[in-house]
Amino acid sequence: NPSGIGYEPWHWYWVGEPAGLCPRPGLTCDPKGNAP
């Protein structure tokens, strides 16, 4: 990567979900970020 930071396979950044993306059937999550 051009940032000069070493390879980090564990590090993921949320850029926002693609428009129209639906969760997999049976998965729900409330607006506060809680999930079973």
PDB file of all heavy atoms in Angstrom:
ATOM      1  N   ASN A   1       0.841  -1.200   0.000  1.00  0.00           N
ATOM      2  CA  ASN A   1       0.000   0.000   0.000  1.00  0.00           C
ATOM      3  C   ASN A   1       0.880   1.256   0.000  1.00  0.00           C
ATOM      4  O   ASN A   1       2.007   1.241   0.510  1.00  0.00           O
ATOM      5  CB  ASN A   1      -0.950  -0.011   1.193  1.00  0.00           C
ATOM      6  CG  ASN A   1      -0.244   0.166   2.523  1.00  0.00           C
ATOM      7  OD1 ASN A   1       0.089   1.275   2.918  1.00  0.00           O
ATOM      8  ND2 ASN A   1      -0.002  -0.950   3.224  1.00  0.00           N
ATOM      9  N   PRO A   2       0.379   2.373  -0.564  1.00  0.00           N
ATOM     10  CA  PRO A   2       1.203   3.580  -0.716  1.00  0.00           C
ATOM     11  C   PRO A   2       1.347   4.407   0.565  1.00  0.00           C
ATOM     12  O   PRO A   2       2.078   5.396   0.564  1.00  0.00           O
ATOM     13  CB  PRO A   2       0.443   4.384  -1.777  1.00  0.00           C
ATOM     14  CG  PRO A   2      -0.986   3.976  -1.594  1.00  0.00           C
ATOM     15  CD  PRO A   2      -0.940   2.513  -1.221  1.00  0.00           C
ATOM     16  N   SER A   3       0.678   4.005   1.635  1.00  0.00           N
ATOM     17  CA  SER A   3       0.711   4.814   2.856  1.00  0.00           C
ATOM     18  C   SER A   3       1.981   4.649   3.661  1.00  0.00           C
ATOM     19  O   SER A   3       2.233   5.422   4.587  1.00  0.00           O
ATOM     20  CB  SER A   3      -0.485   4.447   3.750  1.00  0.00           C
ATOM     21  OG  SER A   3      -0.323   3.134   4.259  1.00  0.00           O
ATOM     22  N   GLY A   4       2.777   3.619   3.337  1.00  0.00           N
ATOM     23  CA  GLY A   4       3.992   3.369   4.107  1.00  0.00           C
ATOM     24  C   GLY A   4       3.757   2.569   5.362  1.00  0.00           C
ATOM     25  O   GLY A   4       4.689   2.335   6.138  1.00  0.00           O
ATOM     26  N   ILE A   5       2.531   2.136   5.598  1.00  0.00           N
ATOM     27  CA  ILE A   5       2.213   1.293   6.747  1.00  0.00           C
ATOM     28  C   ILE A   5       2.264  -0.165   6.293  1.00  0.00           C
ATOM     29  O   ILE A   5       1.832  -0.502   5.190  1.00  0.00           O
ATOM     30  CB  ILE A   5       0.828   1.644   7.323  1.00  0.00           C
ATOM     31  CG1 ILE A   5       0.879   3.048   7.940  1.00  0.00           C
ATOM     32  CG2 ILE A   5       0.383   0.629   8.378  1.00  0.00           C
ATOM     33  CD1 ILE A   5      -0.445   3.555   8.462  1.00  0.00           C
ATOM     34  N   GLY A   6       2.827  -1.023   7.137  1.00  0.00           N
ATOM     35  CA  GLY A   6       2.987  -2.423   6.773  1.00  0.00           C
ATOM     36  C   GLY A   6       1.663  -3.139   6.552  1.00  0.00           C
ATOM     37  O   GLY A   6       0.586  -2.634   6.896  1.00  0.00           O
ATOM     38  N   TYR A   7       1.749  -4.318   5.983  1.00  0.00           N
ATOM     39  CA  TYR A   7       0.582  -5.146   5.678  1.00  0.00           C
ATOM     40  C   TYR A   7      -0.185  -5.461   6.965  1.00  0.00           C
ATOM     41  O   TYR A   7       0.372  -5.975   7.926  1.00  0.00           O
ATOM     42  CB  TYR A   7       1.055  -6.426   5.012  1.00  0.00           C
ATOM     43  CG  TYR A   7      -0.019  -7.424   4.663  1.00  0.00           C
ATOM     44  CD1 TYR A   7      -1.235  -7.023   4.118  1.00  0.00           C
ATOM     45  CD2 TYR A   7       0.204  -8.786   4.845  1.00  0.00           C
ATOM     46  CE1 TYR A   7      -2.214  -7.955   3.776  1.00  0.00           C
ATOM     47  CE2 TYR A   7      -0.756  -9.724   4.498  1.00  0.00           C
ATOM     48  CZ  TYR A   7      -1.958  -9.308   3.974  1.00  0.00           C
ATOM     49  OH  TYR A   7      -2.917 -10.233   3.640  1.00  0.00           O
ATOM     50  N   GLU A   8      -1.494  -5.141   6.978  1.00  0.00           N
ATOM     51  CA  GLU A   8      -2.344  -5.381   8.145  1.00  0.00           C
ATOM     52  C   GLU A   8      -3.621  -6.103   7.705  1.00  0.00           C
ATOM     53  O   GLU A   8      -4.652  -5.466   7.457  1.00  0.00           O
ATOM     54  CB  GLU A   8      -2.684  -4.067   8.850  1.00  0.00           C
ATOM     55  CG  GLU A   8      -1.472  -3.366   9.445  1.00  0.00           C
ATOM     56  CD  GLU A   8      -1.853  -2.228  10.390  1.00  0.00           C
ATOM     57  OE1 GLU A   8      -3.058  -1.912  10.484  1.00  0.00           O
ATOM     58  OE2 GLU A   8      -0.939  -1.675  11.017  1.00  0.00           O
ATOM     59  N   PRO A   9      -3.582  -7.421   7.606  1.00  0.00           N
ATOM     60  CA  PRO A   9      -4.778  -8.145   7.169  1.00  0.00           C
ATOM     61  C   PRO A   9      -5.936  -8.061   8.154  1.00  0.00           C
ATOM     62  O   PRO A   9      -7.071  -8.369   7.785  1.00  0.00           O
ATOM     63  CB  PRO A   9      -4.276  -9.591   7.030  1.00  0.00           C
ATOM     64  CG  PRO A   9      -3.064  -9.675   7.907  1.00  0.00           C
ATOM     65  CD  PRO A   9      -2.431  -8.320   7.844  1.00  0.00           C
ATOM     66  N   TRP A  10      -5.668  -7.630   9.363  1.00  0.00           N
ATOM     67  CA  TRP A  10      -6.695  -7.547  10.406  1.00  0.00           C
ATOM     68  C   TRP A  10      -7.450  -6.214  10.413  1.00  0.00           C
ATOM     69  O   TRP A  10      -8.483  -6.100  11.047  1.00  0.00           O
ATOM     70  CB  TRP A  10      -6.038  -7.729  11.768  1.00  0.00           C
ATOM     71  CG  TRP A  10      -4.978  -6.687  12.034  1.00  0.00           C
ATOM     72  CD1 TRP A  10      -5.157  -5.414  12.524  1.00  0.00           C
ATOM     73  CD2 TRP A  10      -3.568  -6.818  11.786  1.00  0.00           C
ATOM     74  NE1 TRP A  10      -3.958  -4.757  12.597  1.00  0.00           N
ATOM     75  CE2 TRP A  10      -2.969  -5.580  12.151  1.00  0.00           C
ATOM     76  CE3 TRP A  10      -2.762  -7.848  11.298  1.00  0.00           C
ATOM     77  CZ2 TRP A  10      -1.590  -5.369  12.046  1.00  0.00           C
ATOM     78  CZ3 TRP A  10      -1.400  -7.632  11.192  1.00  0.00           C
ATOM     79  CH2 TRP A  10      -0.823  -6.404  11.560  1.00  0.00           C
ATOM     80  N   HIS A  11      -6.942  -5.193   9.734  1.00  0.00           N
ATOM     81  CA  HIS A  11      -7.455  -3.829   9.879  1.00  0.00           C
ATOM     82  C   HIS A  11      -8.443  -3.492   8.757  1.00  0.00           C
ATOM     83  O   HIS A  11      -8.067  -3.430   7.584  1.00  0.00           O
ATOM     84  CB  HIS A  11      -6.284  -2.834   9.871  1.00  0.00           C
ATOM     85  CG  HIS A  11      -6.694  -1.407  10.031  1.00  0.00           C
ATOM     86  ND1 HIS A  11      -6.505  -0.697  11.205  1.00  0.00           N
ATOM     87  CD2 HIS A  11      -7.289  -0.539   9.171  1.00  0.00           C
ATOM     88  CE1 HIS A  11      -6.959   0.540  11.044  1.00  0.00           C
ATOM     89  NE2 HIS A  11      -7.449   0.653   9.810  1.00  0.00           N
ATOM     90  N   TRP A  12      -9.690  -3.241   9.146  1.00  0.00           N
ATOM     91  CA  TRP A  12     -10.767  -2.955   8.185  1.00  0.00           C
ATOM     92  C   TRP A  12     -11.456  -1.657   8.569  1.00  0.00           C
ATOM     93  O   TRP A  12     -11.710  -1.392   9.739  1.00  0.00           O
ATOM     94  CB  TRP A  12     -11.764  -4.111   8.168  1.00  0.00           C
ATOM     95  CG  TRP A  12     -11.147  -5.396   7.698  1.00  0.00           C
ATOM     96  CD1 TRP A  12     -10.358  -6.245   8.434  1.00  0.00           C
ATOM     97  CD2 TRP A  12     -11.220  -5.952   6.387  1.00  0.00           C
ATOM     98  NE1 TRP A  12      -9.935  -7.292   7.660  1.00  0.00           N
ATOM     99  CE2 TRP A  12     -10.458  -7.153   6.405  1.00  0.00           C
ATOM    100  CE3 TRP A  12     -11.866  -5.569   5.213  1.00  0.00           C
ATOM    101  CZ2 TRP A  12     -10.321  -7.956   5.277  1.00  0.00           C
ATOM    102  CZ3 TRP A  12     -11.737  -6.379   4.097  1.00  0.00           C
ATOM    103  CH2 TRP A  12     -10.968  -7.557   4.132  1.00  0.00           C
ATOM    104  N   TYR A  13     -11.761  -0.854   7.549  1.00  0.00           N
ATOM    105  CA  TYR A  13     -12.359   0.475   7.758  1.00  0.00           C
ATOM    106  C   TYR A  13     -13.727   0.522   7.091  1.00  0.00           C
ATOM    107  O   TYR A  13     -13.880   0.131   5.932  1.00  0.00           O
ATOM    108  CB  TYR A  13     -11.436   1.545   7.158  1.00  0.00           C
ATOM    109  CG  TYR A  13     -11.917   2.959   7.312  1.00  0.00           C
ATOM    110  CD1 TYR A  13     -11.851   3.602   8.546  1.00  0.00           C
ATOM    111  CD2 TYR A  13     -12.418   3.671   6.226  1.00  0.00           C
ATOM    112  CE1 TYR A  13     -12.272   4.917   8.686  1.00  0.00           C
ATOM    113  CE2 TYR A  13     -12.845   4.983   6.357  1.00  0.00           C
ATOM    114  CZ  TYR A  13     -12.766   5.600   7.597  1.00  0.00           C
ATOM    115  OH  TYR A  13     -13.185   6.900   7.730  1.00  0.00           O
ATOM    116  N   TRP A  14     -14.712   1.017   7.827  1.00  0.00           N
ATOM    117  CA  TRP A  14     -16.076   1.076   7.315  1.00  0.00           C
ATOM    118  C   TRP A  14     -16.255   2.349   6.496  1.00  0.00           C
ATOM    119  O   TRP A  14     -16.144   3.457   7.013  1.00  0.00           O
ATOM    120  CB  TRP A  14     -17.079   1.049   8.457  1.00  0.00           C
ATOM    121  CG  TRP A  14     -18.497   0.868   8.000  1.00  0.00           C
ATOM    122  CD1 TRP A  14     -19.085  -0.277   7.567  1.00  0.00           C
ATOM    123  CD2 TRP A  14     -19.513   1.873   7.958  1.00  0.00           C
ATOM    124  NE1 TRP A  14     -20.406  -0.068   7.248  1.00  0.00           N
ATOM    125  CE2 TRP A  14     -20.694   1.249   7.472  1.00  0.00           C
ATOM    126  CE3 TRP A  14     -19.551   3.228   8.268  1.00  0.00           C
ATOM    127  CZ2 TRP A  14     -21.892   1.944   7.299  1.00  0.00           C
ATOM    128  CZ3 TRP A  14     -20.732   3.910   8.096  1.00  0.00           C
ATOM    129  CH2 TRP A  14     -21.887   3.275   7.620  1.00  0.00           C
ATOM    130  N   VAL A  15     -16.518   2.173   5.207  1.00  0.00           N
ATOM    131  CA  VAL A  15     -16.698   3.310   4.310  1.00  0.00           C
ATOM    132  C   VAL A  15     -18.171   3.559   4.008  1.00  0.00           C
ATOM    133  O   VAL A  15     -18.520   4.513   3.308  1.00  0.00           O
ATOM    134  CB  VAL A  15     -15.929   3.106   2.987  1.00  0.00           C
ATOM    135  CG1 VAL A  15     -14.434   3.076   3.247  1.00  0.00           C
ATOM    136  CG2 VAL A  15     -16.368   1.837   2.277  1.00  0.00           C
ATOM    137  N   GLY A  16     -19.062   2.700   4.515  1.00  0.00           N
ATOM    138  CA  GLY A  16     -20.488   2.816   4.235  1.00  0.00           C
ATOM    139  C   GLY A  16     -20.929   1.688   3.327  1.00  0.00           C
ATOM    140  O   GLY A  16     -20.196   1.280   2.421  1.00  0.00           O
ATOM    141  N   GLU A  17     -22.115   1.172   3.570  1.00  0.00           N
ATOM    142  CA  GLU A  17     -22.588   0.022   2.806  1.00  0.00           C
ATOM    143  C   GLU A  17     -23.059   0.451   1.418  1.00  0.00           C
ATOM    144  O   GLU A  17     -23.622   1.536   1.249  1.00  0.00           O
ATOM    145  CB  GLU A  17     -23.714  -0.679   3.562  1.00  0.00           C
ATOM    146  CG  GLU A  17     -23.228  -1.278   4.873  1.00  0.00           C
ATOM    147  CD  GLU A  17     -24.315  -1.998   5.619  1.00  0.00           C
ATOM    148  OE1 GLU A  17     -25.404  -2.190   5.043  1.00  0.00           O
ATOM    149  OE2 GLU A  17     -24.083  -2.364   6.783  1.00  0.00           O
ATOM    150  N   PRO A  18     -22.841  -0.402   0.419  1.00  0.00           N
ATOM    151  CA  PRO A  18     -23.325  -0.090  -0.929  1.00  0.00           C
ATOM    152  C   PRO A  18     -24.826   0.138  -0.927  1.00  0.00           C
ATOM    153  O   PRO A  18     -25.560  -0.492  -0.170  1.00  0.00           O
ATOM    154  CB  PRO A  18     -22.953  -1.343  -1.732  1.00  0.00           C
ATOM    155  CG  PRO A  18     -21.849  -1.989  -0.952  1.00  0.00           C
ATOM    156  CD  PRO A  18     -22.132  -1.670   0.491  1.00  0.00           C
ATOM    157  N   ALA A  19     -25.290   1.047  -1.754  1.00  0.00           N
ATOM    158  CA  ALA A  19     -26.719   1.344  -1.821  1.00  0.00           C
ATOM    159  C   ALA A  19     -27.505   0.085  -2.164  1.00  0.00           C
ATOM    160  O   ALA A  19     -27.133  -0.675  -3.056  1.00  0.00           O
ATOM    161  CB  ALA A  19     -26.976   2.415  -2.877  1.00  0.00           C
ATOM    162  N   GLY A  20     -28.595  -0.111  -1.445  1.00  0.00           N
ATOM    163  CA  GLY A  20     -29.475  -1.235  -1.733  1.00  0.00           C
ATOM    164  C   GLY A  20     -29.028  -2.547  -1.134  1.00  0.00           C
ATOM    165  O   GLY A  20     -29.668  -3.576  -1.348  1.00  0.00           O
ATOM    166  N   LEU A  21     -27.910  -2.552  -0.391  1.00  0.00           N
ATOM    167  CA  LEU A  21     -27.451  -3.794   0.201  1.00  0.00           C
ATOM    168  C   LEU A  21     -28.411  -4.246   1.289  1.00  0.00           C
ATOM    169  O   LEU A  21     -28.765  -3.473   2.176  1.00  0.00           O
ATOM    170  CB  LEU A  21     -26.056  -3.616   0.806  1.00  0.00           C
ATOM    171  CG  LEU A  21     -25.472  -4.843   1.509  1.00  0.00           C
ATOM    172  CD1 LEU A  21     -25.182  -5.936   0.493  1.00  0.00           C
ATOM    173  CD2 LEU A  21     -24.203  -4.478   2.262  1.00  0.00           C
ATOM    174  N   CYS A  22     -28.835  -5.478   1.249  1.00  0.00           N
ATOM    175  CA  CYS A  22     -29.727  -6.039   2.258  1.00  0.00           C
ATOM    176  C   CYS A  22     -28.953  -7.056   3.083  1.00  0.00           C
ATOM    177  O   CYS A  22     -28.151  -7.817   2.556  1.00  0.00           O
ATOM    178  CB  CYS A  22     -30.918  -6.733   1.613  1.00  0.00           C
ATOM    179  SG  CYS A  22     -32.006  -5.599   0.726  1.00  0.00           S
ATOM    180  N   PRO A  23     -29.187  -7.102   4.399  1.00  0.00           N
ATOM    181  CA  PRO A  23     -28.546  -8.129   5.214  1.00  0.00           C
ATOM    182  C   PRO A  23     -28.988  -9.511   4.758  1.00  0.00           C
ATOM    183  O   PRO A  23     -30.031  -9.678   4.133  1.00  0.00           O
ATOM    184  CB  PRO A  23     -29.056  -7.824   6.632  1.00  0.00           C
ATOM    185  CG  PRO A  23     -29.565  -6.427   6.583  1.00  0.00           C
ATOM    186  CD  PRO A  23     -30.050  -6.229   5.172  1.00  0.00           C
ATOM    187  N   ARG A  24     -28.196 -10.524   5.085  1.00  0.00           N
ATOM    188  CA  ARG A  24     -28.582 -11.891   4.771  1.00  0.00           C
ATOM    189  C   ARG A  24     -29.869 -12.243   5.492  1.00  0.00           C
ATOM    190  O   ARG A  24     -30.154 -11.718   6.572  1.00  0.00           O
ATOM    191  CB  ARG A  24     -27.470 -12.861   5.182  1.00  0.00           C
ATOM    192  CG  ARG A  24     -26.260 -12.777   4.287  1.00  0.00           C
ATOM    193  CD  ARG A  24     -25.154 -13.685   4.731  1.00  0.00           C
ATOM    194  NE  ARG A  24     -25.570 -15.093   4.764  1.00  0.00           N
ATOM    195  CZ  ARG A  24     -24.705 -16.101   4.886  1.00  0.00           C
ATOM    196  NH1 ARG A  24     -23.418 -15.840   4.992  1.00  0.00           N
ATOM    197  NH2 ARG A  24     -25.105 -17.340   4.917  1.00  0.00           N
ATOM    198  N   PRO A  25     -30.680 -13.123   4.924  1.00  0.00           N
ATOM    199  CA  PRO A  25     -31.940 -13.504   5.565  1.00  0.00           C
ATOM    200  C   PRO A  25     -31.715 -13.967   7.001  1.00  0.00           C
ATOM    201  O   PRO A  25     -30.777 -14.707   7.285  1.00  0.00           O
ATOM    202  CB  PRO A  25     -32.443 -14.655   4.682  1.00  0.00           C
ATOM    203  CG  PRO A  25     -31.825 -14.391   3.350  1.00  0.00           C
ATOM    204  CD  PRO A  25     -30.470 -13.797   3.643  1.00  0.00           C
ATOM    205  N   GLY A  26     -32.571 -13.496   7.888  1.00  0.00           N
ATOM    206  CA  GLY A  26     -32.504 -13.913   9.278  1.00  0.00           C
ATOM    207  C   GLY A  26     -31.618 -13.072  10.156  1.00  0.00           C
ATOM    208  O   GLY A  26     -31.532 -13.299  11.361  1.00  0.00           O
ATOM    209  N   LEU A  27     -30.939 -12.075   9.577  1.00  0.00           N
ATOM    210  CA  LEU A  27     -30.057 -11.226  10.358  1.00  0.00           C
ATOM    211  C   LEU A  27     -30.699  -9.863  10.569  1.00  0.00           C
ATOM    212  O   LEU A  27     -31.161  -9.243   9.620  1.00  0.00           O
ATOM    213  CB  LEU A  27     -28.710 -11.037   9.648  1.00  0.00           C
ATOM    214  CG  LEU A  27     -27.896 -12.307   9.388  1.00  0.00           C
ATOM    215  CD1 LEU A  27     -26.562 -11.933   8.762  1.00  0.00           C
ATOM    216  CD2 LEU A  27     -27.684 -13.104  10.661  1.00  0.00           C
ATOM    217  N   THR A  28     -30.726  -9.405  11.784  1.00  0.00           N
ATOM    218  CA  THR A  28     -31.257  -8.080  12.087  1.00  0.00           C
ATOM    219  C   THR A  28     -30.306  -7.374  13.026  1.00  0.00           C
ATOM    220  O   THR A  28     -29.521  -7.997  13.724  1.00  0.00           O
ATOM    221  CB  THR A  28     -32.642  -8.167  12.764  1.00  0.00           C
ATOM    222  OG1 THR A  28     -32.514  -8.906  13.993  1.00  0.00           O
ATOM    223  CG2 THR A  28     -33.652  -8.847  11.855  1.00  0.00           C
ATOM    224  N   CYS A  29     -30.392  -6.054  13.057  1.00  0.00           N
ATOM    225  CA  CYS A  29     -29.544  -5.274  13.950  1.00  0.00           C
ATOM    226  C   CYS A  29     -30.228  -3.955  14.212  1.00  0.00           C
ATOM    227  O   CYS A  29     -30.719  -3.309  13.282  1.00  0.00           O
ATOM    228  CB  CYS A  29     -28.174  -5.038  13.322  1.00  0.00           C
ATOM    229  SG  CYS A  29     -26.985  -4.285  14.453  1.00  0.00           S
ATOM    230  N   ASP A  30     -30.326  -3.545  15.471  1.00  0.00           N
ATOM    231  CA  ASP A  30     -31.039  -2.306  15.749  1.00  0.00           C
ATOM    232  C   ASP A  30     -30.144  -1.103  15.471  1.00  0.00           C
ATOM    233  O   ASP A  30     -28.938  -1.236  15.283  1.00  0.00           O
ATOM    234  CB  ASP A  30     -31.588  -2.300  17.183  1.00  0.00           C
ATOM    235  CG  ASP A  30     -30.532  -2.110  18.264  1.00  0.00           C
ATOM    236  OD1 ASP A  30     -29.475  -1.525  17.971  1.00  0.00           O
ATOM    237  OD2 ASP A  30     -30.769  -2.528  19.403  1.00  0.00           O
ATOM    238  N   PRO A  31     -30.713   0.107  15.407  1.00  0.00           N
ATOM    239  CA  PRO A  31     -29.942   1.291  15.020  1.00  0.00           C
ATOM    240  C   PRO A  31     -28.807   1.636  15.963  1.00  0.00           C
ATOM    241  O   PRO A  31     -27.896   2.369  15.596  1.00  0.00           O
ATOM    242  CB  PRO A  31     -31.001   2.405  14.997  1.00  0.00           C
ATOM    243  CG  PRO A  31     -32.299   1.696  14.827  1.00  0.00           C
ATOM    244  CD  PRO A  31     -32.145   0.392  15.537  1.00  0.00           C
ATOM    245  N   LYS A  32     -28.849   1.131  17.210  1.00  0.00           N
ATOM    246  CA  LYS A  32     -27.788   1.436  18.160  1.00  0.00           C
ATOM    247  C   LYS A  32     -26.587   0.509  17.995  1.00  0.00           C
ATOM    248  O   LYS A  32     -25.597   0.646  18.696  1.00  0.00           O
ATOM    249  CB  LYS A  32     -28.320   1.336  19.592  1.00  0.00           C
ATOM    250  CG  LYS A  32     -29.360   2.401  19.919  1.00  0.00           C
ATOM    251  CD  LYS A  32     -29.780   2.310  21.367  1.00  0.00           C
ATOM    252  CE  LYS A  32     -30.793   3.405  21.718  1.00  0.00           C
ATOM    253  NZ  LYS A  32     -31.215   3.325  23.130  1.00  0.00           N
ATOM    254  N   GLY A  33     -26.693  -0.450  17.082  1.00  0.00           N
ATOM    255  CA  GLY A  33     -25.555  -1.326  16.841  1.00  0.00           C
ATOM    256  C   GLY A  33     -25.585  -2.605  17.638  1.00  0.00           C
ATOM    257  O   GLY A  33     -24.607  -3.349  17.656  1.00  0.00           O
ATOM    258  N   ASN A  34     -26.695  -2.896  18.305  1.00  0.00           N
ATOM    259  CA  ASN A  34     -26.778  -4.115  19.084  1.00  0.00           C
ATOM    260  C   ASN A  34     -27.241  -5.280  18.216  1.00  0.00           C
ATOM    261  O   ASN A  34     -28.011  -5.100  17.288  1.00  0.00           O
ATOM    262  CB  ASN A  34     -27.760  -3.944  20.243  1.00  0.00           C
ATOM    263  CG  ASN A  34     -27.316  -2.843  21.178  1.00  0.00           C
ATOM    264  OD1 ASN A  34     -26.153  -2.789  21.559  1.00  0.00           O
ATOM    265  ND2 ASN A  34     -28.227  -1.955  21.533  1.00  0.00           N
ATOM    266  N   ALA A  35     -26.769  -6.457  18.521  1.00  0.00           N
ATOM    267  CA  ALA A  35     -27.183  -7.639  17.782  1.00  0.00           C
ATOM    268  C   ALA A  35     -27.114  -8.842  18.705  1.00  0.00           C
ATOM    269  O   ALA A  35     -26.304  -8.874  19.631  1.00  0.00           O
ATOM    270  CB  ALA A  35     -26.287  -7.865  16.572  1.00  0.00           C
ATOM    271  N   PRO A  36     -27.965  -9.865  18.486  1.00  0.00           N
ATOM    272  CA  PRO A  36     -27.902 -11.062  19.309  1.00  0.00           C
ATOM    273  C   PRO A  36     -26.635 -11.840  19.025  1.00  0.00           C
ATOM    274  O   PRO A  36     -26.101 -11.797  17.915  1.00  0.00           O
ATOM    275  CB  PRO A  36     -29.145 -11.855  18.872  1.00  0.00           C
ATOM    276  CG  PRO A  36     -29.409 -11.387  17.488  1.00  0.00           C
ATOM    277  CD  PRO A  36     -29.018  -9.932  17.466  1.00  0.00           C
TER     278      PRO A  36
END
